[in-house]
Protein backbone atom coordinates (compact mmCIF):
# COMPACT_ATOMS: atom_id res chain seq x y z
CA MET A 1 26.01 11.38 30.98
CA SER A 2 23.74 12.77 28.57
CA GLU A 3 20.78 11.10 27.93
CA LEU A 4 17.97 11.68 25.67
CA GLY A 5 14.51 10.25 24.31
CA LYS A 6 11.48 8.74 26.07
CA ARG A 7 12.10 6.20 28.74
CA ASN A 8 11.04 5.43 32.67
CA PRO A 9 12.54 8.17 34.85
CA ASP A 10 13.63 5.66 37.34
CA CYS A 11 15.10 3.19 35.41
CA GLY A 12 18.52 3.93 33.88
CA LEU A 13 21.59 2.16 33.08
CA ASP A 14 22.75 2.40 36.80
CA ALA A 15 20.34 -0.26 37.32
CA VAL A 16 23.32 -2.69 35.52
CA GLY A 17 25.68 -0.10 36.74
CA LEU A 18 26.34 0.85 32.90
CA LYS A 19 27.87 4.38 32.92
CA THR A 20 29.44 6.27 30.34
CA ALA A 21 30.34 9.88 29.16
CA GLY A 22 29.01 10.02 26.55
CA THR A 23 25.27 9.84 25.23
CA VAL A 24 22.74 7.65 25.53
CA ARG A 25 19.61 7.81 22.59
CA TYR A 26 16.79 6.18 24.42
CA ASN A 27 14.07 3.89 21.81
CA PHE A 28 14.77 6.42 18.93
CA GLY A 29 13.23 5.38 15.79
CA PRO A 30 13.99 4.47 12.35
CA ALA A 31 14.23 7.78 11.11
CA ALA A 32 16.35 9.17 13.47
CA LEU A 33 18.38 5.76 13.97
CA TYR A 34 18.78 5.98 10.39
CA GLU A 35 20.52 9.40 10.62
CA GLU A 36 22.63 8.30 13.71
CA ALA A 37 23.59 5.25 11.60
CA ILE A 38 24.75 6.74 8.28
CA ARG A 39 26.59 9.67 10.45
CA ARG A 40 28.18 7.42 12.28
CA GLY A 41 29.33 5.36 8.91
CA GLU A 42 28.10 2.36 10.06
CA ALA A 43 25.36 1.74 7.40
CA ARG A 44 24.22 2.60 3.52
CA LEU A 45 20.96 3.54 2.19
CA THR A 46 19.72 1.68 -0.65
CA ALA A 47 17.40 3.22 -3.73
CA HIS A 48 14.77 2.16 -2.27
CA GLY A 49 15.06 3.15 1.50
CA ALA A 50 16.80 0.05 3.31
CA LEU A 51 19.47 0.53 5.61
CA VAL A 52 21.95 -1.76 4.34
CA ALA A 53 25.08 -3.18 6.80
CA GLU A 54 28.03 -5.26 7.17
CA THR A 55 28.53 -7.46 9.84
CA GLY A 56 32.59 -8.16 8.91
CA GLN A 57 34.18 -11.51 10.24
CA HIS A 58 31.17 -13.39 11.48
CA THR A 59 28.01 -13.56 8.64
CA GLY A 60 25.88 -15.88 11.19
CA ARG A 61 26.03 -16.87 14.65
CA SER A 62 29.33 -18.01 16.77
CA ALA A 63 27.31 -20.97 18.38
CA LYS A 64 31.06 -21.86 20.17
CA ASP A 65 31.51 -18.69 21.40
CA LYS A 66 28.28 -18.73 23.53
CA PHE A 67 28.56 -19.60 27.10
CA VAL A 68 25.81 -19.89 30.04
CA VAL A 69 26.28 -19.03 33.46
CA ARG A 70 26.42 -21.99 35.41
CA ASP A 71 25.03 -21.47 39.52
CA ALA A 72 22.66 -23.37 41.95
CA ASP A 73 19.56 -22.17 40.07
CA THR A 74 20.45 -22.89 36.64
CA GLU A 75 22.46 -26.29 37.70
CA PRO A 76 19.24 -28.22 37.64
CA HIS A 77 17.54 -26.97 34.50
CA VAL A 78 20.00 -26.41 31.64
CA TRP A 79 21.19 -29.41 29.37
CA TRP A 80 24.69 -28.93 29.62
CA ASP A 81 26.05 -31.29 27.03
CA ALA A 82 24.64 -29.07 24.96
CA ASN A 83 25.62 -25.90 26.35
CA LYS A 84 29.01 -23.98 27.40
CA ALA A 85 29.27 -23.00 31.11
CA MET A 86 30.57 -19.99 32.60
CA ALA A 87 31.74 -19.87 35.54
CA PRO A 88 30.19 -16.67 37.73
CA ALA A 89 33.00 -15.66 39.14
CA GLN A 90 34.02 -15.31 35.54
CA PHE A 91 31.25 -13.96 34.24
CA ASP A 92 31.34 -11.40 37.07
CA LEU A 93 34.84 -10.51 35.77
CA LEU A 94 33.22 -9.93 31.99
CA LEU A 95 30.86 -7.70 32.90
CA ALA A 96 33.09 -5.25 34.70
CA ASP A 97 34.86 -5.11 32.05
CA PHE A 98 31.97 -4.78 29.39
CA LEU A 99 30.99 -1.65 32.10
CA ALA A 100 34.13 -0.24 31.78
CA HIS A 101 34.72 -0.89 27.88
CA ALA A 102 31.32 1.13 27.50
CA ALA A 103 32.22 4.01 30.31
CA GLY A 104 33.27 6.77 27.01
CA LYS A 105 31.20 5.32 24.17
CA ASP A 106 27.97 6.70 22.74
CA LEU A 107 25.30 4.28 23.16
CA TYR A 108 21.86 3.58 21.96
CA VAL A 109 18.85 1.81 24.02
CA GLN A 110 16.03 -0.16 23.09
CA ASP A 111 12.89 -0.78 25.71
CA LEU A 112 11.21 -4.03 24.34
CA VAL A 113 9.29 -7.32 24.70
CA GLY A 114 9.84 -10.73 23.71
CA GLY A 115 6.34 -12.03 23.71
CA ALA A 116 2.73 -11.73 22.56
CA ASP A 117 1.09 -12.83 25.39
CA ALA A 118 0.94 -10.16 27.93
CA GLU A 119 0.69 -12.90 31.30
CA LEU A 120 3.94 -14.55 29.85
CA ALA A 121 5.68 -11.59 28.39
CA LEU A 122 9.62 -10.68 29.26
CA PRO A 123 10.61 -7.12 29.16
CA VAL A 124 13.92 -6.26 27.67
CA ARG A 125 16.42 -3.95 27.70
CA VAL A 126 18.68 -3.87 24.64
CA VAL A 127 21.92 -1.34 25.18
CA THR A 128 23.97 -1.47 21.78
CA GLU A 129 27.14 0.56 20.58
CA LEU A 130 25.98 0.51 17.12
CA ALA A 131 23.31 2.53 15.92
CA TRP A 132 21.78 -0.09 13.10
CA HIS A 133 21.76 -3.20 15.66
CA SER A 134 19.26 -0.42 17.71
CA LEU A 135 17.03 -0.64 14.77
CA PHE A 136 17.42 -4.36 13.90
CA ILE A 137 16.44 -5.45 17.46
CA ARG A 138 13.58 -2.78 17.76
CA ASN A 139 12.58 -4.14 14.11
CA LEU A 140 12.82 -8.07 15.83
CA LEU A 141 10.90 -7.55 19.10
CA ILE A 142 7.93 -6.32 20.19
CA ARG A 143 7.97 -2.77 20.99
CA PRO A 144 5.43 -1.02 23.42
CA ASP A 145 3.60 2.27 22.87
CA ALA A 146 4.85 5.59 24.55
CA ALA A 147 2.77 5.60 27.60
CA ALA A 148 4.17 2.01 28.47
CA LEU A 149 8.26 3.30 27.78
CA ARG A 150 7.60 5.78 30.77
CA SER A 151 6.92 2.91 33.42
CA PHE A 152 9.13 0.48 31.43
CA VAL A 153 11.10 -1.80 33.94
CA PRO A 154 13.51 -4.45 32.27
CA LYS A 155 13.57 -7.77 33.37
CA MET A 156 16.29 -8.76 31.29
CA THR A 157 19.40 -6.48 29.85
CA ILE A 158 21.31 -7.13 27.09
CA ILE A 159 24.80 -5.39 26.32
CA ASP A 160 25.90 -5.84 23.04
CA LEU A 161 29.53 -3.94 22.37
CA PRO A 162 30.99 -5.84 18.91
CA SER A 163 34.37 -3.46 19.49
CA PHE A 164 34.64 -5.52 22.44
CA LYS A 165 37.25 -8.51 22.28
CA ALA A 166 36.94 -11.11 25.39
CA ASP A 167 40.57 -12.36 26.85
CA PRO A 168 39.94 -16.14 26.73
CA ALA A 169 42.70 -16.35 29.81
CA ARG A 170 40.90 -14.12 31.78
CA HIS A 171 37.06 -14.38 30.40
CA GLY A 172 37.41 -18.36 29.77
CA THR A 173 36.09 -18.00 26.56
CA ARG A 174 37.17 -19.88 23.32
CA SER A 175 37.66 -16.47 21.29
CA GLU A 176 37.76 -12.59 21.16
CA THR A 177 34.29 -13.16 20.35
CA VAL A 178 31.89 -14.00 22.92
CA ILE A 179 27.82 -14.26 24.32
CA ALA A 180 27.54 -14.93 27.56
CA LEU A 181 23.94 -15.31 29.62
CA ASP A 182 23.68 -14.99 32.89
CA LEU A 183 20.02 -16.57 33.48
CA THR A 184 19.90 -16.10 36.99
CA ARG A 185 20.54 -11.95 36.89
CA MET A 186 19.14 -12.07 33.48
CA ILE A 187 22.33 -10.28 31.56
CA VAL A 188 23.61 -10.77 28.61
CA LEU A 189 26.97 -9.76 27.40
CA ILE A 190 27.61 -9.60 23.39
CA GLY A 191 31.41 -8.74 22.29
CA GLY A 192 33.28 -9.55 19.11
CA THR A 193 30.28 -10.08 16.55
CA SER A 194 28.38 -7.54 14.50
CA TYR A 195 26.33 -10.04 13.39
CA ALA A 196 22.85 -8.76 14.73
CA GLY A 197 21.54 -12.15 15.23
CA GLU A 198 23.00 -12.80 17.71
CA MET A 199 20.56 -10.89 20.03
CA LYS A 200 17.46 -11.85 19.53
CA LYS A 201 18.42 -15.37 19.68
CA SER A 202 19.59 -14.41 22.99
CA VAL A 203 15.91 -13.59 23.96
CA PHE A 204 14.87 -16.89 22.62
CA THR A 205 17.50 -18.99 25.25
CA ALA A 206 16.24 -16.68 27.95
CA LEU A 207 12.42 -17.75 26.84
CA ASN A 208 13.68 -21.17 26.48
CA TYR A 209 14.75 -21.13 30.36
CA LEU A 210 12.20 -19.34 31.58
CA LEU A 211 8.87 -20.24 30.25
CA PRO A 212 8.77 -24.29 30.49
CA GLU A 213 8.14 -23.53 34.74
CA GLN A 214 4.85 -21.70 33.25
CA GLY A 215 3.26 -23.93 31.09
CA VAL A 216 4.94 -22.50 27.85
CA MET A 217 6.62 -24.73 25.00
CA PRO A 218 8.82 -22.65 23.48
CA MET A 219 9.24 -23.09 19.53
CA HIS A 220 11.53 -22.92 16.97
CA CYS A 221 8.86 -22.82 13.78
CA SER A 222 6.73 -20.33 12.39
CA ALA A 223 3.14 -20.05 11.99
CA ASN A 224 0.31 -18.48 10.20
CA GLU A 225 -3.76 -18.41 10.56
CA GLY A 226 -6.38 -19.81 7.79
CA PRO A 227 -9.81 -17.45 7.88
CA ALA A 228 -11.45 -19.95 10.03
CA GLY A 229 -9.15 -19.87 12.71
CA ASP A 230 -6.92 -23.04 11.66
CA ALA A 231 -3.49 -22.08 12.79
CA ALA A 232 -0.32 -24.05 11.14
CA ILE A 233 3.13 -24.34 12.74
CA PHE A 234 6.23 -25.05 10.49
CA PHE A 235 9.18 -26.63 12.22
CA GLY A 236 12.73 -26.45 10.72
CA LEU A 237 16.44 -25.16 11.93
CA SER A 238 17.51 -21.34 10.30
CA GLY A 239 16.96 -21.38 6.45
CA THR A 240 14.68 -24.68 5.73
CA GLY A 241 11.84 -22.54 4.66
CA LYS A 242 10.27 -21.29 7.55
CA THR A 243 9.83 -17.71 6.98
CA THR A 244 9.23 -18.53 3.34
CA LEU A 245 5.71 -20.82 3.88
CA SER A 246 4.48 -18.72 7.06
CA ALA A 247 4.08 -15.49 4.10
CA ASP A 248 1.52 -17.06 2.44
CA PRO A 249 -1.24 -14.41 1.62
CA SER A 250 -4.26 -16.12 1.72
CA ARG A 251 -3.55 -16.56 5.70
CA THR A 252 -2.74 -13.88 8.16
CA LEU A 253 0.86 -14.12 9.77
CA ILE A 254 1.46 -14.65 13.22
CA GLY A 255 5.29 -14.94 13.06
CA ASP A 256 8.58 -16.25 11.36
CA ASP A 257 10.55 -18.18 13.96
CA GLU A 258 10.00 -18.08 17.74
CA HIS A 259 6.35 -19.14 19.10
CA GLY A 260 5.41 -20.53 23.01
CA TRP A 261 2.66 -22.83 22.88
CA GLY A 262 0.89 -21.75 26.49
CA PRO A 263 -1.95 -21.81 28.42
CA HIS A 264 -4.26 -19.28 25.47
CA GLY A 265 -3.02 -20.75 22.58
CA VAL A 266 0.21 -20.03 20.45
CA PHE A 267 2.14 -17.04 20.64
CA ASN A 268 4.87 -14.85 19.13
CA PHE A 269 7.81 -14.15 20.94
CA GLU A 270 8.80 -11.56 18.57
CA GLY A 271 7.32 -8.28 16.56
CA GLY A 272 9.28 -8.60 13.20
CA CYS A 273 10.85 -10.94 11.12
CA TYR A 274 14.33 -11.95 9.91
CA ALA A 275 14.25 -13.72 6.78
CA LYS A 276 17.28 -14.63 4.41
CA THR A 277 17.67 -12.54 1.04
CA ILE A 278 20.06 -14.64 -1.03
CA ARG A 279 18.45 -15.44 -4.18
CA LEU A 280 15.31 -13.70 -2.85
CA SER A 281 12.81 -12.77 -6.37
CA ALA A 282 9.64 -10.55 -6.30
CA GLU A 283 8.38 -13.82 -8.17
CA ALA A 284 9.10 -16.66 -6.26
CA GLU A 285 8.50 -14.44 -2.66
CA PRO A 286 6.71 -10.81 -3.15
CA GLU A 287 5.76 -10.36 0.48
CA ILE A 288 9.36 -10.50 1.64
CA PHE A 289 10.69 -8.87 -1.69
CA ALA A 290 8.69 -6.04 -0.97
CA THR A 291 9.70 -5.76 2.35
CA THR A 292 13.68 -4.89 1.21
CA GLN A 293 11.88 -2.15 -0.70
CA ARG A 294 11.22 -0.04 2.01
CA PHE A 295 12.39 2.70 4.64
CA GLY A 296 12.92 0.85 7.86
CA THR A 297 13.90 -2.50 6.86
CA VAL A 298 17.78 -3.77 7.55
CA LEU A 299 19.54 -5.74 5.16
CA GLU A 300 22.39 -7.37 6.70
CA ASN A 301 25.61 -8.28 4.42
CA VAL A 302 23.46 -7.34 1.30
CA VAL A 303 25.55 -6.76 -1.96
CA LEU A 304 24.64 -3.42 -3.51
CA ASP A 305 25.57 -2.27 -7.34
CA GLU A 306 26.64 1.06 -8.22
CA ASN A 307 23.50 2.74 -8.17
CA GLY A 308 22.54 1.49 -4.95
CA VAL A 309 20.00 -1.02 -5.86
CA PRO A 310 20.24 -4.71 -4.06
CA ASP A 311 21.60 -7.93 -5.92
CA PHE A 312 20.29 -10.43 -3.89
CA ASP A 313 22.28 -13.58 -5.66
CA ASP A 314 25.23 -11.91 -4.83
CA GLY A 315 26.16 -14.30 -2.39
CA SER A 316 30.15 -13.27 -2.20
CA ARG A 317 30.02 -11.75 1.42
CA THR A 318 28.10 -14.27 2.64
CA GLU A 319 25.34 -16.95 1.30
CA ASN A 320 23.22 -15.81 4.95
CA THR A 321 22.57 -12.24 3.61
CA ARG A 322 19.09 -11.70 5.59
CA CYS A 323 16.30 -8.58 5.83
CA ALA A 324 15.04 -7.91 9.32
CA TYR A 325 11.84 -5.60 9.19
CA PRO A 326 8.61 -5.44 11.83
CA LEU A 327 5.96 -8.19 11.54
CA ASP A 328 3.47 -5.24 10.17
CA PHE A 329 5.62 -4.58 6.99
CA ILE A 330 3.86 -7.97 5.56
CA PRO A 331 0.65 -7.13 4.73
CA ASN A 332 -1.92 -9.39 6.25
CA ALA A 333 0.42 -9.82 9.68
CA SER A 334 -1.52 -10.45 13.00
CA ALA A 335 -2.17 -7.68 14.85
CA THR A 336 -1.92 -9.56 18.22
CA GLY A 337 0.75 -11.98 17.31
CA ARG A 338 -1.85 -14.68 19.14
CA ALA A 339 -3.51 -18.24 17.55
CA ALA A 340 -5.31 -20.87 18.72
CA HIS A 341 -4.11 -24.35 19.50
CA THR A 342 -3.48 -26.23 16.56
CA LEU A 343 -4.58 -29.68 15.84
CA ILE A 344 -0.80 -32.22 16.01
CA LEU A 345 -1.26 -35.27 13.37
CA GLU A 346 1.98 -37.05 13.05
CA GLY A 347 1.69 -40.17 11.61
CA ARG A 348 5.08 -42.46 9.51
CA GLU A 349 3.30 -43.18 6.35
CA ARG A 350 2.13 -39.50 5.85
CA PHE A 351 5.36 -38.26 7.02
CA LEU A 352 7.48 -40.71 4.62
CA ALA A 353 5.00 -39.44 1.79
CA GLU A 354 5.26 -35.75 1.85
CA TYR A 355 8.83 -35.16 3.99
CA ALA A 356 11.38 -37.45 2.67
CA ILE A 357 13.90 -36.56 0.38
CA GLY A 358 12.62 -35.71 -2.62
CA GLY A 359 9.44 -33.34 -1.71
CA PRO A 360 7.60 -31.65 -0.98
CA ILE A 361 7.11 -28.80 -3.89
CA ASN A 362 7.04 -25.25 -3.36
CA GLU A 363 4.31 -23.62 -5.01
CA LYS A 364 5.63 -20.27 -5.76
CA THR A 365 9.22 -21.45 -6.72
CA GLY A 366 8.83 -24.71 -8.12
CA GLN A 367 11.22 -25.98 -6.44
CA PRO A 368 12.20 -28.45 -3.67
CA TYR A 369 11.63 -27.04 0.10
CA GLY A 370 14.16 -27.08 2.97
CA THR A 371 16.89 -29.59 3.39
CA THR A 372 15.59 -32.77 3.52
CA THR A 373 15.12 -32.36 -0.79
CA LYS A 374 17.49 -34.47 -2.89
CA ALA A 375 18.89 -31.95 -4.46
CA PHE A 376 20.46 -30.18 -1.04
CA ALA A 377 20.92 -33.70 0.99
CA GLU A 378 23.89 -34.60 -2.40
CA ALA A 379 25.08 -30.67 -2.41
CA ASN A 380 25.32 -30.75 1.12
CA PRO A 381 26.02 -33.84 3.16
CA ASN A 382 27.64 -32.31 5.73
CA THR A 383 25.02 -29.97 6.84
CA VAL A 384 22.12 -33.02 6.45
CA LYS A 385 24.06 -34.99 8.37
CA ALA A 386 24.72 -32.28 11.52
CA PHE A 387 20.61 -31.82 11.29
CA VAL A 388 20.06 -35.26 11.57
CA ALA A 389 22.41 -36.24 14.42
CA ALA A 390 21.06 -32.92 16.00
CA SER A 391 17.55 -34.16 16.03
CA LEU A 392 18.29 -37.33 17.13
CA LYS A 393 19.80 -36.00 20.30
CA GLY A 394 16.90 -33.74 20.65
CA TRP A 395 14.83 -37.30 20.30
CA ALA A 396 16.83 -38.65 22.75
CA TYR A 397 16.68 -35.98 25.51
CA ALA A 398 12.89 -36.50 25.24
CA VAL A 399 12.88 -40.05 25.59
CA ALA A 400 15.05 -39.24 28.23
CA ASN A 401 12.58 -36.65 29.86
CA PRO A 402 9.22 -37.51 28.76
CA ALA A 403 7.48 -35.40 31.09
CA GLU A 404 9.60 -32.26 30.61
CA ALA A 405 9.18 -33.10 26.46
CA ALA A 406 5.43 -33.73 26.22
CA GLU A 407 3.32 -32.33 29.10
CA ILE A 408 2.83 -29.08 27.55
CA VAL A 409 1.41 -30.24 24.71
CA TYR A 410 -0.98 -32.96 25.98
CA LYS A 411 -1.91 -30.68 29.03
CA TYR A 412 -4.08 -29.16 26.30
CA GLY A 413 -5.27 -32.38 25.43
CA SER A 414 -8.24 -30.91 23.58
CA SER A 415 -6.48 -29.91 20.61
CA VAL A 416 -4.46 -33.29 20.35
CA SER A 417 -5.93 -35.63 18.09
CA PRO A 418 -6.85 -39.12 19.71
CA GLU A 419 -5.42 -40.34 16.62
CA HIS A 420 -1.90 -38.53 17.48
CA HIS A 421 -2.82 -40.18 21.47
CA GLY A 422 -3.04 -43.49 19.91
CA ALA A 423 -0.48 -43.83 17.50
CA SER A 424 2.36 -42.39 20.51
CA ALA A 425 0.89 -44.83 22.43
CA GLY A 426 0.63 -48.03 19.97
CA GLY A 427 3.27 -46.83 17.78
CA THR A 428 0.68 -47.12 14.81
CA SER A 429 0.20 -44.11 12.04
CA PRO A 430 -3.05 -42.44 12.43
CA PRO A 431 -5.31 -43.39 9.70
CA ARG A 432 -5.31 -40.30 6.64
CA ARG A 433 -7.47 -37.60 6.83
CA ASP A 434 -9.32 -35.41 4.35
CA PRO A 435 -6.92 -33.50 1.97
CA ALA A 436 -8.56 -30.41 3.10
CA HIS A 437 -7.00 -30.36 6.70
CA HIS A 438 -3.48 -30.92 5.05
CA ARG A 439 -2.97 -28.00 3.10
CA ARG A 440 0.03 -26.42 5.20
CA ARG A 441 2.95 -28.24 4.56
CA CYS A 442 5.95 -27.98 7.30
CA SER A 443 9.35 -26.67 6.15
CA ALA A 444 12.07 -30.23 5.78
CA THR A 445 12.64 -30.88 9.23
CA GLY A 446 14.87 -34.30 9.55
CA PRO A 447 13.71 -37.72 11.10
CA ALA A 448 10.00 -38.35 11.58
CA PRO A 449 10.21 -38.44 15.54
CA ALA A 450 12.63 -35.86 15.79
CA ALA A 451 10.07 -32.68 16.24
CA LEU A 452 6.07 -32.32 15.74
CA ARG A 453 4.78 -32.83 11.93
CA CYS A 454 1.58 -30.61 11.79
CA ARG A 455 -1.25 -29.82 10.31
CA ALA A 456 -3.66 -27.14 12.41
CA ARG A 457 -6.55 -26.10 12.87
CA ALA A 458 -8.14 -24.34 15.60
CA SER A 459 -9.06 -26.02 19.03
CA PRO A 460 -12.47 -27.37 19.27
C-alpha cells in the first residue's frame, strides 16, 4: 500500500492487521483534508471557510448499537447492566470483516492523544475512511507535535468505516450499525454510521475504563478557570449547556465536555470542542459563533443557504447540529488543558434555591439553562424523565459502590470542604457561603444526589 504523511516508520497499520491496496494518508492537516473531503464529494465549504458535512441516517450517537467485549479482564470492571456485552469470538469475526472491508480503500490516519496530563495520557490512532472524519477527530483530540509523531506508538486504535454494514446474525449486533470496543486489546470498530461523535465518545469510554485504576475520576463536564486559579466544573448531559457555560470570556477555558479529576488536578481529555449550533447566534454566544466563521472548523448537518451561509435556526435535518473546532479557536483557551482541584460544595438548600425547575438564568440570553428549566420540562417530559431515571440509576450505583464512587474525590481532601464532609456524613446542608464564591453556575443536572454540584476555587 502507498503511505503518505508524517508517522513513526516502525509503527504502521499492520500492527492491527490492516492492509489496503489504496493510499494511506497519515496525520494530514486541515488544508490537505479540506482538499480530500471536497475532491471526494464528502463535504462543502461555507461562505466563511468552515467545512460542512452531512451524517445521513444517524444524526446522533447510536447508544443501542454500542457493545463492549466481555472477557476475563473486563468482566469484573464493567457495569454490565448499562453496557451491552459482545463475546470475544464475535468481535474477532467483526474485526476480520472490518479488515477485509478496508482492504481496497484509501484511508486517513490521525495519531492523537486523549488526556492533557502527560502521565495519564492515552495515545490513540484513529483510522477513517472519510477525510472529514479525520479532520473532525484531529480537531477534537490532542495533537502531538511533528517530533512526537516520529516516535508515536498507539495504545488504542479506532477503525471507523461508515460504509461497513454489520450482519446481526453473523456479528451478534442489533442492526447494521455497530460500535464495538475491545477494552483488553484497545481496539474500537465503528461501522454503519457517519456520525463523527462516535469516535470521540469511544475515547471517553476507554478512559472511563482505564483511569479509575490510576486514581482518576472521569467526569462528563466542562471546566474553566478564573484569573486567581479558581477553577469551575459544570456537570450535565449533552445539550444542557456545558459548552456555553465554560466559554466565558472572563475566564480561561479548560475544556467543554470530558475531564479527569486526578492526582495532579483537573485535566481535559480532549484538545477541541464539540458544540451544538441549533439557534446559535453571535449575540448570545459570540465565542462559539466565531469558531463557525473560520477555516478549520467542521460543521455537522448544518443547513446552508444559496450563498453558503449557515442557517443555524434550521433544524430540518436535526436539532443536533454541531460544530467541531480546536480548543485554541476560543481566544482565552488554556494552553495546558489543566487546572487545580476544585472546592466541592453541596447542600440541599442551595441546590433547591438555584437548580430546581425555573432557574438559573443565562445572563447572555436571558433564558433559563438546561433540561431542568420549567419550559424545557413541560416541552420535553420524556427527556426529563429519562434524565432523572439515569441520574437515579447513577446514584444507586454510587450508594452500592461508595468506595469506588467517592475514593478519588475524597483522596484529595485538602480541596474538599469540611462542610461537604459534614453534610455527607450527617445529612445536613452546609452553611451558606459568601456569594463571591458562587459566581459560576453549573448546568442543569437533575436531582441533587445524582452528581456533584459545584462551585470552585483553587486548592489551598
